[in-house]
Protein backbone atom coordinates (compact mmCIF):
# COMPACT_ATOMS: atom_id res chain seq x y z
CA ILE A 1 -8.94 5.95 -7.62
CA ILE A 2 -11.99 5.32 -5.49
CA PHE A 3 -12.29 2.94 -2.54
CA LYS A 4 -15.65 1.22 -2.22
CA GLY A 5 -16.27 -0.89 0.86
CA ASN A 6 -15.62 -0.96 4.58
CA ILE A 7 -12.72 -1.67 6.93
CA GLN A 8 -12.93 -5.43 6.45
CA ASN A 9 -13.69 -5.76 2.74
CA GLY A 10 -13.21 -3.23 0.01
CA ASP A 11 -12.31 -2.81 -3.62
CA MET A 12 -10.87 -0.10 -5.79
CA GLN A 13 -12.35 1.59 -8.82
CA ILE A 14 -10.93 4.13 -11.22
CA SER A 15 -12.56 7.16 -12.82
CA GLU A 16 -10.88 9.44 -15.34
CA HIS A 17 -11.37 13.15 -15.77
CA THR A 18 -12.24 14.13 -19.33
CA ALA A 19 -13.39 17.34 -21.00
CA LYS A 20 -16.96 16.22 -20.24
CA GLY A 21 -16.26 15.49 -16.56
CA TRP A 22 -15.54 12.31 -14.63
CA THR A 23 -16.15 8.93 -16.23
CA LYS A 24 -18.27 6.29 -14.51
CA PRO A 25 -16.02 4.38 -12.05
CA VAL A 26 -14.76 1.02 -13.31
CA SER A 27 -13.50 -1.69 -10.96
CA PHE A 28 -9.93 -2.92 -11.22
CA PRO A 29 -9.65 -6.57 -12.35
CA ASN A 30 -10.01 -9.48 -9.92
CA THR A 31 -6.24 -9.99 -9.93
CA ILE A 32 -6.07 -6.68 -8.01
CA ASN A 33 -9.44 -6.58 -6.25
CA THR A 34 -9.85 -9.71 -4.16
CA PRO A 35 -12.62 -10.79 -1.76
CA ALA A 36 -10.35 -9.30 0.95
CA TRP A 37 -9.58 -5.65 1.74
CA ASP A 38 -7.76 -3.82 -1.13
CA ALA A 39 -7.12 -0.06 -0.87
CA ASP A 40 -4.58 2.78 -0.51
CA ALA A 41 -3.82 2.85 -4.24
CA MET A 42 -1.80 5.31 -6.26
CA ILE A 43 -0.70 5.32 -9.89
CA SER A 44 2.94 6.19 -10.59
CA SER A 45 3.80 9.43 -12.35
CA ASP A 46 4.49 7.55 -15.61
CA GLY A 47 1.08 5.82 -15.38
CA LYS A 48 2.60 2.34 -15.67
CA ALA A 49 2.55 1.13 -12.05
CA LEU A 50 -0.30 0.81 -9.57
CA LEU A 51 0.88 0.58 -5.96
CA TYR A 52 -1.69 -0.51 -3.40
CA VAL A 53 -2.27 -2.44 -0.20
CA SER A 54 -4.04 -5.77 0.13
CA GLU A 55 -5.07 -8.05 2.95
CA ARG A 56 -5.37 -11.04 0.59
CA PRO A 57 -5.23 -14.50 2.18
CA GLU A 58 -1.67 -15.30 1.02
CA VAL A 59 -0.26 -12.50 3.21
CA LEU A 60 -2.15 -13.48 6.35
CA ASP A 61 0.78 -15.30 7.93
CA LEU A 62 0.13 -13.65 11.29
CA GLN A 63 -3.21 -12.69 12.75
CA LEU A 64 -3.41 -9.82 15.22
CA ASP A 65 -5.33 -12.13 17.56
CA ASP A 66 -2.00 -13.94 18.14
CA ASN A 67 -0.52 -10.82 19.80
CA PRO A 68 -1.12 -9.08 23.12
CA PRO A 69 -3.70 -6.26 22.86
CA GLY A 70 -2.23 -3.04 21.47
CA PHE A 71 1.04 -4.70 20.42
CA HIS A 72 0.69 -4.34 16.67
CA GLY A 73 -1.90 -3.41 14.18
CA HIS A 74 -3.86 -0.55 12.85
CA SER A 75 -6.89 -0.04 15.04
CA MET A 76 -9.18 -0.99 12.15
CA SER A 77 -7.15 -3.94 10.86
CA SER A 78 -7.99 -7.58 11.25
CA GLY A 79 -4.72 -8.92 9.89
CA ASN A 80 -1.65 -8.46 7.77
CA ARG A 81 -1.67 -5.87 5.00
CA ASP A 82 1.12 -5.83 2.40
CA ILE A 83 2.10 -3.44 -0.39
CA PHE A 84 1.82 -4.71 -3.95
CA VAL A 85 2.50 -3.29 -7.41
CA SER A 86 0.68 -4.11 -10.62
CA LEU A 87 2.31 -3.07 -13.88
CA LYS A 88 0.40 -1.97 -16.96
CA ASP A 89 1.21 -3.90 -20.15
CA ASP A 90 1.48 -2.38 -23.65
CA ASP A 91 -2.25 -3.01 -24.22
CA GLY A 92 -3.17 -1.01 -21.10
CA ASN A 93 -4.07 -4.00 -18.92
CA TRP A 94 -3.01 -4.29 -15.29
CA GLN A 95 -0.88 -7.41 -14.75
CA ASP A 96 -0.82 -9.82 -11.79
CA PRO A 97 0.38 -7.99 -8.68
CA ILE A 98 3.89 -8.34 -7.27
CA ASN A 99 4.43 -8.34 -3.50
CA LEU A 100 7.18 -5.78 -2.75
CA GLY A 101 8.93 -8.32 -0.53
CA ASP A 102 10.19 -8.74 3.01
CA MET A 103 12.31 -5.58 3.11
CA ILE A 104 9.08 -3.55 2.89
CA ASN A 105 6.33 -5.90 4.05
CA THR A 106 6.26 -7.32 7.56
CA PRO A 107 3.89 -9.80 9.21
CA PHE A 108 1.92 -6.74 10.35
CA VAL A 109 0.34 -3.73 8.63
CA GLU A 110 1.75 -1.65 5.78
CA ARG A 111 -0.33 1.18 4.36
CA THR A 112 -0.45 4.14 1.96
CA PRO A 113 2.50 3.67 -0.43
CA PHE A 114 3.58 6.82 -2.25
CA LEU A 115 6.09 6.48 -5.08
CA HIS A 116 7.93 9.73 -5.75
CA PRO A 117 8.00 10.85 -9.42
CA ASP A 118 11.67 9.80 -9.52
CA MET A 119 10.20 6.24 -9.65
CA LYS A 120 12.76 5.10 -7.03
CA THR A 121 11.86 6.71 -3.69
CA MET A 122 8.86 5.33 -1.85
CA TYR A 123 7.20 6.51 1.36
CA PHE A 124 4.86 4.19 3.22
CA SER A 125 3.46 3.53 6.67
CA SER A 126 4.06 0.43 8.77
CA ASP A 127 3.61 -0.85 12.28
CA GLY A 128 6.00 -3.76 11.72
CA HIS A 129 9.34 -1.93 11.48
CA GLY A 130 9.42 -0.66 15.06
CA GLY A 131 8.87 3.04 15.49
CA PHE A 132 7.26 5.59 17.79
CA GLY A 133 3.80 4.09 18.00
CA ARG A 134 1.38 2.34 15.76
CA LEU A 135 1.80 3.21 12.07
CA ASP A 136 4.93 5.26 11.36
CA VAL A 137 6.04 6.74 8.02
CA TYR A 138 9.17 5.30 6.37
CA LYS A 139 11.28 6.08 3.32
CA THR A 140 12.96 3.49 1.11
CA THR A 141 14.67 3.42 -2.30
CA ARG A 142 14.18 0.94 -5.13
CA LEU A 143 17.66 -0.41 -5.85
CA ASP A 144 17.11 -1.73 -9.38
CA ASP A 145 14.38 -2.08 -12.00
CA THR A 146 12.63 -4.87 -10.12
CA TRP A 147 9.96 -4.14 -7.55
CA THR A 148 11.38 -6.46 -4.91
CA ASN A 149 14.83 -4.99 -4.20
CA TRP A 150 14.56 -2.05 -1.76
CA SER A 151 16.88 -0.31 0.67
CA GLU A 152 16.22 -0.77 4.38
CA PRO A 153 13.30 1.50 5.31
CA VAL A 154 14.23 4.59 7.34
CA ASN A 155 11.79 6.00 9.89
CA LEU A 156 11.13 9.70 9.16
CA GLY A 157 11.51 10.49 12.85
CA ASN A 158 9.50 12.32 15.47
CA ALA A 159 9.05 15.43 13.32
CA ILE A 160 6.59 13.31 11.27
CA ASN A 161 5.73 10.30 13.43
CA THR A 162 3.82 10.19 16.72
CA ALA A 163 2.61 7.50 19.13
CA LYS A 164 -0.59 7.27 17.04
CA ASN A 165 -1.26 6.12 13.48
CA ASP A 166 0.68 8.22 10.95
CA TRP A 167 -0.19 7.44 7.36
CA GLY A 168 -1.06 9.01 4.02
CA TYR A 169 2.31 10.78 3.63
CA ARG A 170 2.82 12.52 0.28
CA VAL A 171 5.55 14.71 -1.20
CA SER A 172 4.42 17.49 -3.54
């Protein structure tokens, strides 16, 4: 997955590795890529779910300008960023995205979702769940087969998180 854009507006493209090399990148559909910032994507281990972050207008319920300087927000963010999932149908098309809901998403910034191959455990970064600084890494568990029922996120603690932005966490 390739990000093409800047910190205020960006879209995602996908390229596949074949025996002849990498295919030409193809943009995700407009249901996923919006005129806003869309990034931080990963495809689940079964290939059927695309998790990503979007700053689409319907999640902009709180602007960082409404807060004291340095209170919330990724240093490059202009607003709220939420985690979404798009599921692939039987024909291989990505469906309309689902917002992961209020247990995960806050009125502030969520970034870099990583769904463990168990398809239940997710790690992500947020500056809206409290924490040690700006973006901290959290762990949560999907409680059923929906994408909107999650356990309360647990901060991974000061062995992982600092007073700065901590994001991009992955488990090998």
